[in-house]
Amino acid sequence: MSKIYMVETFVTHRVVYAIEASSEEEARNKVIPTCNQDDTIIEMTQNCVGEGIFSSRKVTEKEYLRVFDEENPERNKWSVESKLKIINR
């Protein structure tokens, strides 16, 4: 019988920005907080460098559904059947 495994990965991208600034330090400071910044800095290019495995573990269907709801609050009203269709088989 098949089991459910949750495999968490991270993805690394090479991103290039064109920044107008008075110095290289100022340009770097404008880019560094991009993940949590309200003002959007537009990227010039983006290329995926690779994906790596962060962790993996076996989970029960109940645990999968709990994590699904935690990770996808906008989808937690989906039916159980719809949530189970997301599992790669």
PDB file of N, CA and C in Angstrom:
ATOM      1  N   MET A   1       0.840  -1.179   0.000  1.00  0.00           N
ATOM      2  CA  MET A   1       0.000   0.000   0.000  1.00  0.00           C
ATOM      3  C   MET A   1       0.887   1.246   0.000  1.00  0.00           C
ATOM      4  N   SER A   2       0.560   2.215  -0.829  1.00  0.00           N
ATOM      5  CA  SER A   2       1.323   3.459  -0.901  1.00  0.00           C
ATOM      6  C   SER A   2       1.105   4.305   0.345  1.00  0.00           C
ATOM      7  N   LYS A   3       2.111   5.122   0.654  1.00  0.00           N
ATOM      8  CA  LYS A   3       2.063   6.030   1.794  1.00  0.00           C
ATOM      9  C   LYS A   3       2.208   7.453   1.276  1.00  0.00           C
ATOM     10  N   ILE A   4       1.914   8.416   2.125  1.00  0.00           N
ATOM     11  CA  ILE A   4       2.084   9.817   1.752  1.00  0.00           C
ATOM     12  C   ILE A   4       3.372  10.322   2.387  1.00  0.00           C
ATOM     13  N   TYR A   5       4.214  10.944   1.590  1.00  0.00           N
ATOM     14  CA  TYR A   5       5.443  11.566   2.073  1.00  0.00           C
ATOM     15  C   TYR A   5       5.394  13.044   1.716  1.00  0.00           C
ATOM     16  N   MET A   6       5.725  13.884   2.672  1.00  0.00           N
ATOM     17  CA  MET A   6       5.834  15.315   2.402  1.00  0.00           C
ATOM     18  C   MET A   6       7.312  15.613   2.217  1.00  0.00           C
ATOM     19  N   VAL A   7       7.649  16.157   1.059  1.00  0.00           N
ATOM     20  CA  VAL A   7       9.021  16.504   0.735  1.00  0.00           C
ATOM     21  C   VAL A   7       9.071  18.025   0.582  1.00  0.00           C
ATOM     22  N   GLU A   8       9.825  18.678   1.461  1.00  0.00           N
ATOM     23  CA  GLU A   8       9.965  20.128   1.418  1.00  0.00           C
ATOM     24  C   GLU A   8      11.252  20.471   0.681  1.00  0.00           C
ATOM     25  N   THR A   9      11.153  21.420  -0.244  1.00  0.00           N
ATOM     26  CA  THR A   9      12.315  21.817  -1.019  1.00  0.00           C
ATOM     27  C   THR A   9      12.532  23.322  -0.922  1.00  0.00           C
ATOM     28  N   PHE A  10      13.692  23.740  -1.355  1.00  0.00           N
ATOM     29  CA  PHE A  10      13.966  25.170  -1.518  1.00  0.00           C
ATOM     30  C   PHE A  10      14.426  25.359  -2.953  1.00  0.00           C
ATOM     31  N   VAL A  11      14.107  26.505  -3.506  1.00  0.00           N
ATOM     32  CA  VAL A  11      14.475  26.819  -4.884  1.00  0.00           C
ATOM     33  C   VAL A  11      15.359  28.064  -4.852  1.00  0.00           C
ATOM     34  N   THR A  12      16.452  28.016  -5.568  1.00  0.00           N
ATOM     35  CA  THR A  12      17.366  29.144  -5.648  1.00  0.00           C
ATOM     36  C   THR A  12      17.263  29.769  -7.032  1.00  0.00           C
ATOM     37  N   HIS A  13      17.139  31.076  -7.043  1.00  0.00           N
ATOM     38  CA  HIS A  13      17.077  31.823  -8.299  1.00  0.00           C
ATOM     39  C   HIS A  13      18.213  32.835  -8.348  1.00  0.00           C
ATOM     40  N   ARG A  14      18.723  33.059  -9.526  1.00  0.00           N
ATOM     41  CA  ARG A  14      19.650  34.167  -9.776  1.00  0.00           C
ATOM     42  C   ARG A  14      18.785  35.287 -10.323  1.00  0.00           C
ATOM     43  N   VAL A  15      18.765  36.419  -9.626  1.00  0.00           N
ATOM     44  CA  VAL A  15      17.934  37.546 -10.010  1.00  0.00           C
ATOM     45  C   VAL A  15      18.831  38.754 -10.251  1.00  0.00           C
ATOM     46  N   VAL A  16      18.571  39.479 -11.333  1.00  0.00           N
ATOM     47  CA  VAL A  16      19.336  40.684 -11.642  1.00  0.00           C
ATOM     48  C   VAL A  16      18.380  41.875 -11.606  1.00  0.00           C
ATOM     49  N   TYR A  17      18.791  42.931 -10.897  1.00  0.00           N
ATOM     50  CA  TYR A  17      18.028  44.176 -10.816  1.00  0.00           C
ATOM     51  C   TYR A  17      18.879  45.297 -11.405  1.00  0.00           C
ATOM     52  N   ALA A  18      18.258  46.247 -12.067  1.00  0.00           N
ATOM     53  CA  ALA A  18      18.930  47.472 -12.493  1.00  0.00           C
ATOM     54  C   ALA A  18      18.452  48.554 -11.524  1.00  0.00           C
ATOM     55  N   ILE A  19      19.385  49.102 -10.731  1.00  0.00           N
ATOM     56  CA  ILE A  19      19.050  50.038  -9.661  1.00  0.00           C
ATOM     57  C   ILE A  19      19.735  51.381  -9.916  1.00  0.00           C
ATOM     58  N   GLU A  20      18.970  52.442  -9.877  1.00  0.00           N
ATOM     59  CA  GLU A  20      19.557  53.781  -9.940  1.00  0.00           C
ATOM     60  C   GLU A  20      19.845  54.223  -8.511  1.00  0.00           C
ATOM     61  N   ALA A  21      21.094  54.556  -8.238  1.00  0.00           N
ATOM     62  CA  ALA A  21      21.503  54.941  -6.882  1.00  0.00           C
ATOM     63  C   ALA A  21      22.775  55.775  -6.964  1.00  0.00           C
ATOM     64  N   SER A  22      23.118  56.432  -5.849  1.00  0.00           N
ATOM     65  CA  SER A  22      24.324  57.270  -5.824  1.00  0.00           C
ATOM     66  C   SER A  22      25.582  56.461  -5.508  1.00  0.00           C
ATOM     67  N   SER A  23      25.403  55.229  -5.020  1.00  0.00           N
ATOM     68  CA  SER A  23      26.563  54.382  -4.724  1.00  0.00           C
ATOM     69  C   SER A  23      26.162  52.912  -4.819  1.00  0.00           C
ATOM     70  N   GLU A  24      27.170  52.043  -4.907  1.00  0.00           N
ATOM     71  CA  GLU A  24      26.903  50.605  -4.949  1.00  0.00           C
ATOM     72  C   GLU A  24      26.236  50.157  -3.647  1.00  0.00           C
ATOM     73  N   GLU A  25      26.679  50.704  -2.522  1.00  0.00           N
ATOM     74  CA  GLU A  25      26.084  50.340  -1.227  1.00  0.00           C
ATOM     75  C   GLU A  25      24.599  50.704  -1.181  1.00  0.00           C
ATOM     76  N   GLU A  26      24.259  51.883  -1.685  1.00  0.00           N
ATOM     77  CA  GLU A  26      22.853  52.288  -1.712  1.00  0.00           C
ATOM     78  C   GLU A  26      22.039  51.347  -2.602  1.00  0.00           C
ATOM     79  N   ALA A  27      22.606  50.973  -3.742  1.00  0.00           N
ATOM     80  CA  ALA A  27      21.922  50.047  -4.647  1.00  0.00           C
ATOM     81  C   ALA A  27      21.686  48.710  -3.965  1.00  0.00           C
ATOM     82  N   ARG A  28      22.700  48.192  -3.266  1.00  0.00           N
ATOM     83  CA  ARG A  28      22.556  46.924  -2.543  1.00  0.00           C
ATOM     84  C   ARG A  28      21.486  47.031  -1.454  1.00  0.00           C
ATOM     85  N   ASN A  29      21.472  48.142  -0.735  1.00  0.00           N
ATOM     86  CA  ASN A  29      20.493  48.319   0.341  1.00  0.00           C
ATOM     87  C   ASN A  29      19.061  48.393  -0.172  1.00  0.00           C
ATOM     88  N   LYS A  30      18.886  48.832  -1.394  1.00  0.00           N
ATOM     89  CA  LYS A  30      17.541  48.865  -1.981  1.00  0.00           C
ATOM     90  C   LYS A  30      17.046  47.465  -2.324  1.00  0.00           C
ATOM     91  N   VAL A  31      17.961  46.547  -2.596  1.00  0.00           N
ATOM     92  CA  VAL A  31      17.593  45.198  -3.044  1.00  0.00           C
ATOM     93  C   VAL A  31      17.480  44.213  -1.891  1.00  0.00           C
ATOM     94  N   ILE A  32      18.348  44.299  -0.898  1.00  0.00           N
ATOM     95  CA  ILE A  32      18.440  43.296   0.167  1.00  0.00           C
ATOM     96  C   ILE A  32      17.097  42.906   0.781  1.00  0.00           C
ATOM     97  N   PRO A  33      16.215  43.861   1.148  1.00  0.00           N
ATOM     98  CA  PRO A  33      14.977  43.458   1.826  1.00  0.00           C
ATOM     99  C   PRO A  33      13.820  43.106   0.892  1.00  0.00           C
ATOM    100  N   THR A  34      14.074  42.683  -0.341  1.00  0.00           N
ATOM    101  CA  THR A  34      12.988  42.500  -1.304  1.00  0.00           C
ATOM    102  C   THR A  34      11.929  41.495  -0.872  1.00  0.00           C
ATOM    103  N   CYS A  35      12.279  40.458  -0.113  1.00  0.00           N
ATOM    104  CA  CYS A  35      11.286  39.445   0.263  1.00  0.00           C
ATOM    105  C   CYS A  35      10.213  39.992   1.192  1.00  0.00           C
ATOM    106  N   ASN A  36      10.526  40.994   1.992  1.00  0.00           N
ATOM    107  CA  ASN A  36       9.571  41.526   2.959  1.00  0.00           C
ATOM    108  C   ASN A  36       9.259  42.996   2.716  1.00  0.00           C
ATOM    109  N   GLN A  37       9.520  43.466   1.543  1.00  0.00           N
ATOM    110  CA  GLN A  37       9.390  44.887   1.254  1.00  0.00           C
ATOM    111  C   GLN A  37       8.024  45.201   0.654  1.00  0.00           C
ATOM    112  N   ASP A  38       7.442  46.303   1.098  1.00  0.00           N
ATOM    113  CA  ASP A  38       6.162  46.751   0.540  1.00  0.00           C
ATOM    114  C   ASP A  38       6.342  47.324  -0.856  1.00  0.00           C
ATOM    115  N   ASP A  39       7.405  48.102  -1.059  1.00  0.00           N
ATOM    116  CA  ASP A  39       7.676  48.672  -2.378  1.00  0.00           C
ATOM    117  C   ASP A  39       8.302  47.591  -3.247  1.00  0.00           C
ATOM    118  N   THR A  40       7.705  47.332  -4.369  1.00  0.00           N
ATOM    119  CA  THR A  40       8.193  46.280  -5.248  1.00  0.00           C
ATOM    120  C   THR A  40       9.360  46.781  -6.083  1.00  0.00           C
ATOM    121  N   ILE A  41      10.450  46.055  -6.051  1.00  0.00           N
ATOM    122  CA  ILE A  41      11.592  46.332  -6.922  1.00  0.00           C
ATOM    123  C   ILE A  41      11.467  45.370  -8.095  1.00  0.00           C
ATOM    124  N   ILE A  42      11.439  45.913  -9.272  1.00  0.00           N
ATOM    125  CA  ILE A  42      11.221  45.098 -10.474  1.00  0.00           C
ATOM    126  C   ILE A  42      12.522  44.428 -10.884  1.00  0.00           C
ATOM    127  N   GLU A  43      12.443  43.132 -11.103  1.00  0.00           N
ATOM    128  CA  GLU A  43      13.634  42.388 -11.535  1.00  0.00           C
ATOM    129  C   GLU A  43      13.825  42.532 -13.031  1.00  0.00           C
ATOM    130  N   MET A  44      15.082  42.551 -13.443  1.00  0.00           N
ATOM    131  CA  MET A  44      15.402  42.620 -14.858  1.00  0.00           C
ATOM    132  C   MET A  44      15.365  41.216 -15.464  1.00  0.00           C
ATOM    133  N   THR A  45      15.994  40.270 -14.778  1.00  0.00           N
ATOM    134  CA  THR A  45      15.970  38.872 -15.216  1.00  0.00           C
ATOM    135  C   THR A  45      15.912  37.963 -14.000  1.00  0.00           C
ATOM    136  N   GLN A  46      15.446  36.742 -14.237  1.00  0.00           N
ATOM    137  CA  GLN A  46      15.407  35.726 -13.183  1.00  0.00           C
ATOM    138  C   GLN A  46      15.615  34.363 -13.827  1.00  0.00           C
ATOM    139  N   ASN A  47      16.542  33.590 -13.262  1.00  0.00           N
ATOM    140  CA  ASN A  47      16.807  32.239 -13.751  1.00  0.00           C
ATOM    141  C   ASN A  47      16.884  31.291 -12.567  1.00  0.00           C
ATOM    142  N   CYS A  48      16.230  30.157 -12.691  1.00  0.00           N
ATOM    143  CA  CYS A  48      16.284  29.145 -11.633  1.00  0.00           C
ATOM    144  C   CYS A  48      17.657  28.476 -11.670  1.00  0.00           C
ATOM    145  N   VAL A  49      18.331  28.478 -10.533  1.00  0.00           N
ATOM    146  CA  VAL A  49      19.657  27.860 -10.430  1.00  0.00           C
ATOM    147  C   VAL A  49      19.522  26.389 -10.043  1.00  0.00           C
ATOM    148  N   GLY A  50      18.540  26.092  -9.211  1.00  0.00           N
ATOM    149  CA  GLY A  50      18.347  24.701  -8.813  1.00  0.00           C
ATOM    150  C   GLY A  50      17.377  24.558  -7.662  1.00  0.00           C
ATOM    151  N   GLU A  51      17.059  23.321  -7.359  1.00  0.00           N
ATOM    152  CA  GLU A  51      16.151  22.991  -6.271  1.00  0.00           C
ATOM    153  C   GLU A  51      16.806  21.920  -5.415  1.00  0.00           C
ATOM    154  N   GLY A  52      16.688  22.061  -4.128  1.00  0.00           N
ATOM    155  CA  GLY A  52      17.260  21.085  -3.210  1.00  0.00           C
ATOM    156  C   GLY A  52      16.231  20.634  -2.200  1.00  0.00           C
ATOM    157  N   ILE A  53      16.447  19.469  -1.629  1.00  0.00           N
ATOM    158  CA  ILE A  53      15.518  18.933  -0.626  1.00  0.00           C
ATOM    159  C   ILE A  53      15.910  19.464   0.741  1.00  0.00           C
ATOM    160  N   PHE A  54      14.938  20.055   1.405  1.00  0.00           N
ATOM    161  CA  PHE A  54      15.110  20.605   2.745  1.00  0.00           C
ATOM    162  C   PHE A  54      14.816  19.529   3.786  1.00  0.00           C
ATOM    163  N   SER A  55      13.706  18.800   3.603  1.00  0.00           N
ATOM    164  CA  SER A  55      13.344  17.723   4.526  1.00  0.00           C
ATOM    165  C   SER A  55      12.301  16.827   3.868  1.00  0.00           C
ATOM    166  N   SER A  56      12.099  15.660   4.464  1.00  0.00           N
ATOM    167  CA  SER A  56      11.031  14.755   4.014  1.00  0.00           C
ATOM    168  C   SER A  56      10.587  13.921   5.203  1.00  0.00           C
ATOM    169  N   ARG A  57       9.314  13.538   5.159  1.00  0.00           N
ATOM    170  CA  ARG A  57       8.784  12.703   6.239  1.00  0.00           C
ATOM    171  C   ARG A  57       7.508  12.018   5.784  1.00  0.00           C
ATOM    172  N   LYS A  58       7.242  10.867   6.372  1.00  0.00           N
ATOM    173  CA  LYS A  58       6.005  10.143   6.107  1.00  0.00           C
ATOM    174  C   LYS A  58       4.913  10.762   6.969  1.00  0.00           C
ATOM    175  N   VAL A  59       3.724  10.952   6.378  1.00  0.00           N
ATOM    176  CA  VAL A  59       2.604  11.519   7.118  1.00  0.00           C
ATOM    177  C   VAL A  59       1.349  10.686   6.881  1.00  0.00           C
ATOM    178  N   THR A  60       0.442  10.758   7.824  1.00  0.00           N
ATOM    179  CA  THR A  60      -0.857  10.124   7.643  1.00  0.00           C
ATOM    180  C   THR A  60      -1.727  11.053   6.800  1.00  0.00           C
ATOM    181  N   GLU A  61      -2.830  10.538   6.315  1.00  0.00           N
ATOM    182  CA  GLU A  61      -3.760  11.373   5.559  1.00  0.00           C
ATOM    183  C   GLU A  61      -4.278  12.514   6.440  1.00  0.00           C
ATOM    184  N   LYS A  62      -4.531  12.221   7.700  1.00  0.00           N
ATOM    185  CA  LYS A  62      -5.015  13.244   8.632  1.00  0.00           C
ATOM    186  C   LYS A  62      -3.976  14.359   8.791  1.00  0.00           C
ATOM    187  N   GLU A  63      -2.710  13.981   8.947  1.00  0.00           N
ATOM    188  CA  GLU A  63      -1.635  14.963   9.076  1.00  0.00           C
ATOM    189  C   GLU A  63      -1.484  15.777   7.799  1.00  0.00           C
ATOM    190  N   TYR A  64      -1.560  15.108   6.649  1.00  0.00           N
ATOM    191  CA  TYR A  64      -1.489  15.799   5.357  1.00  0.00           C
ATOM    192  C   TYR A  64      -2.573  16.867   5.274  1.00  0.00           C
ATOM    193  N   LEU A  65      -3.795  16.511   5.628  1.00  0.00           N
ATOM    194  CA  LEU A  65      -4.915  17.457   5.545  1.00  0.00           C
ATOM    195  C   LEU A  65      -4.723  18.624   6.514  1.00  0.00           C
ATOM    196  N   ARG A  66      -4.186  18.357   7.698  1.00  0.00           N
ATOM    197  CA  ARG A  66      -3.927  19.427   8.665  1.00  0.00           C
ATOM    198  C   ARG A  66      -2.885  20.400   8.112  1.00  0.00           C
ATOM    199  N   VAL A  67      -1.788  19.860   7.585  1.00  0.00           N
ATOM    200  CA  VAL A  67      -0.732  20.702   7.029  1.00  0.00           C
ATOM    201  C   VAL A  67      -1.245  21.451   5.802  1.00  0.00           C
ATOM    202  N   PHE A  68      -2.040  20.782   4.974  1.00  0.00           N
ATOM    203  CA  PHE A  68      -2.616  21.429   3.796  1.00  0.00           C
ATOM    204  C   PHE A  68      -3.386  22.673   4.212  1.00  0.00           C
ATOM    205  N   ASP A  69      -4.237  22.529   5.228  1.00  0.00           N
ATOM    206  CA  ASP A  69      -5.041  23.661   5.689  1.00  0.00           C
ATOM    207  C   ASP A  69      -4.174  24.771   6.278  1.00  0.00           C
ATOM    208  N   GLU A  70      -3.123  24.413   7.011  1.00  0.00           N
ATOM    209  CA  GLU A  70      -2.223  25.416   7.584  1.00  0.00           C
ATOM    210  C   GLU A  70      -1.460  26.169   6.502  1.00  0.00           C
ATOM    211  N   GLU A  71      -1.009  25.449   5.496  1.00  0.00           N
ATOM    212  CA  GLU A  71      -0.181  26.046   4.448  1.00  0.00           C
ATOM    213  C   GLU A  71      -1.003  26.768   3.373  1.00  0.00           C
ATOM    214  N   ASN A  72      -2.273  26.435   3.276  1.00  0.00           N
ATOM    215  CA  ASN A  72      -3.139  26.991   2.233  1.00  0.00           C
ATOM    216  C   ASN A  72      -4.433  27.537   2.830  1.00  0.00           C
ATOM    217  N   PRO A  73      -4.366  28.567   3.661  1.00  0.00           N
ATOM    218  CA  PRO A  73      -5.589  29.040   4.320  1.00  0.00           C
ATOM    219  C   PRO A  73      -6.683  29.456   3.338  1.00  0.00           C
ATOM    220  N   GLU A  74      -6.285  29.898   2.150  1.00  0.00           N
ATOM    221  CA  GLU A  74      -7.275  30.299   1.154  1.00  0.00           C
ATOM    222  C   GLU A  74      -7.985  29.089   0.528  1.00  0.00           C
ATOM    223  N   ARG A  75      -7.450  27.890   0.754  1.00  0.00           N
ATOM    224  CA  ARG A  75      -8.041  26.670   0.175  1.00  0.00           C
ATOM    225  C   ARG A  75      -8.606  25.724   1.232  1.00  0.00           C
ATOM    226  N   ASN A  76      -8.622  26.125   2.487  1.00  0.00           N
ATOM    227  CA  ASN A  76      -9.048  25.168   3.516  1.00  0.00           C
ATOM    228  C   ASN A  76     -10.537  24.870   3.494  1.00  0.00           C
ATOM    229  N   LYS A  77     -11.296  25.551   2.656  1.00  0.00           N
ATOM    230  CA  LYS A  77     -12.719  25.232   2.485  1.00  0.00           C
ATOM    231  C   LYS A  77     -12.937  24.197   1.373  1.00  0.00           C
ATOM    232  N   TRP A  78     -11.854  23.822   0.708  1.00  0.00           N
ATOM    233  CA  TRP A  78     -11.962  22.790  -0.331  1.00  0.00           C
ATOM    234  C   TRP A  78     -12.458  21.491   0.299  1.00  0.00           C
ATOM    235  N   SER A  79     -13.056  20.649  -0.519  1.00  0.00           N
ATOM    236  CA  SER A  79     -13.460  19.330  -0.044  1.00  0.00           C
ATOM    237  C   SER A  79     -12.214  18.469   0.186  1.00  0.00           C
ATOM    238  N   VAL A  80     -12.352  17.461   1.028  1.00  0.00           N
ATOM    239  CA  VAL A  80     -11.245  16.538   1.282  1.00  0.00           C
ATOM    240  C   VAL A  80     -10.791  15.899  -0.031  1.00  0.00           C
ATOM    241  N   GLU A  81     -11.746  15.534  -0.876  1.00  0.00           N
ATOM    242  CA  GLU A  81     -11.417  14.921  -2.166  1.00  0.00           C
ATOM    243  C   GLU A  81     -10.538  15.843  -3.007  1.00  0.00           C
ATOM    244  N   SER A  82     -10.868  17.130  -3.042  1.00  0.00           N
ATOM    245  CA  SER A  82     -10.071  18.088  -3.809  1.00  0.00           C
ATOM    246  C   SER A  82      -8.668  18.228  -3.232  1.00  0.00           C
ATOM    247  N   LYS A  83      -8.565  18.245  -1.904  1.00  0.00           N
ATOM    248  CA  LYS A  83      -7.261  18.356  -1.261  1.00  0.00           C
ATOM    249  C   LYS A  83      -6.396  17.135  -1.551  1.00  0.00           C
ATOM    250  N   LEU A  84      -7.006  15.954  -1.593  1.00  0.00           N
ATOM    251  CA  LEU A  84      -6.258  14.717  -1.855  1.00  0.00           C
ATOM    252  C   LEU A  84      -5.805  14.646  -3.306  1.00  0.00           C
ATOM    253  N   LYS A  85      -6.488  15.348  -4.211  1.00  0.00           N
ATOM    254  CA  LYS A  85      -6.090  15.335  -5.630  1.00  0.00           C
ATOM    255  C   LYS A  85      -4.760  16.048  -5.847  1.00  0.00           C
ATOM    256  N   ILE A  86      -4.343  16.867  -4.886  1.00  0.00           N
ATOM    257  CA  ILE A  86      -3.077  17.591  -5.003  1.00  0.00           C
ATOM    258  C   ILE A  86      -1.886  16.651  -4.811  1.00  0.00           C
ATOM    259  N   ILE A  87      -2.091  15.514  -4.188  1.00  0.00           N
ATOM    260  CA  ILE A  87      -1.006  14.549  -3.953  1.00  0.00           C
ATOM    261  C   ILE A  87      -0.530  14.001  -5.295  1.00  0.00           C
ATOM    262  N   ASN A  88       0.770  14.078  -5.539  1.00  0.00           N
ATOM    263  CA  ASN A  88       1.360  13.523  -6.754  1.00  0.00           C
ATOM    264  C   ASN A  88       1.399  12.004  -6.651  1.00  0.00           C
ATOM    265  N   ARG A  89       0.847  11.355  -7.619  1.00  0.00           N
ATOM    266  CA  ARG A  89       0.782   9.891  -7.588  1.00  0.00           C
ATOM    267  C   ARG A  89       1.593   9.291  -8.724  1.00  0.00           C
TER     268      ARG A  89
END
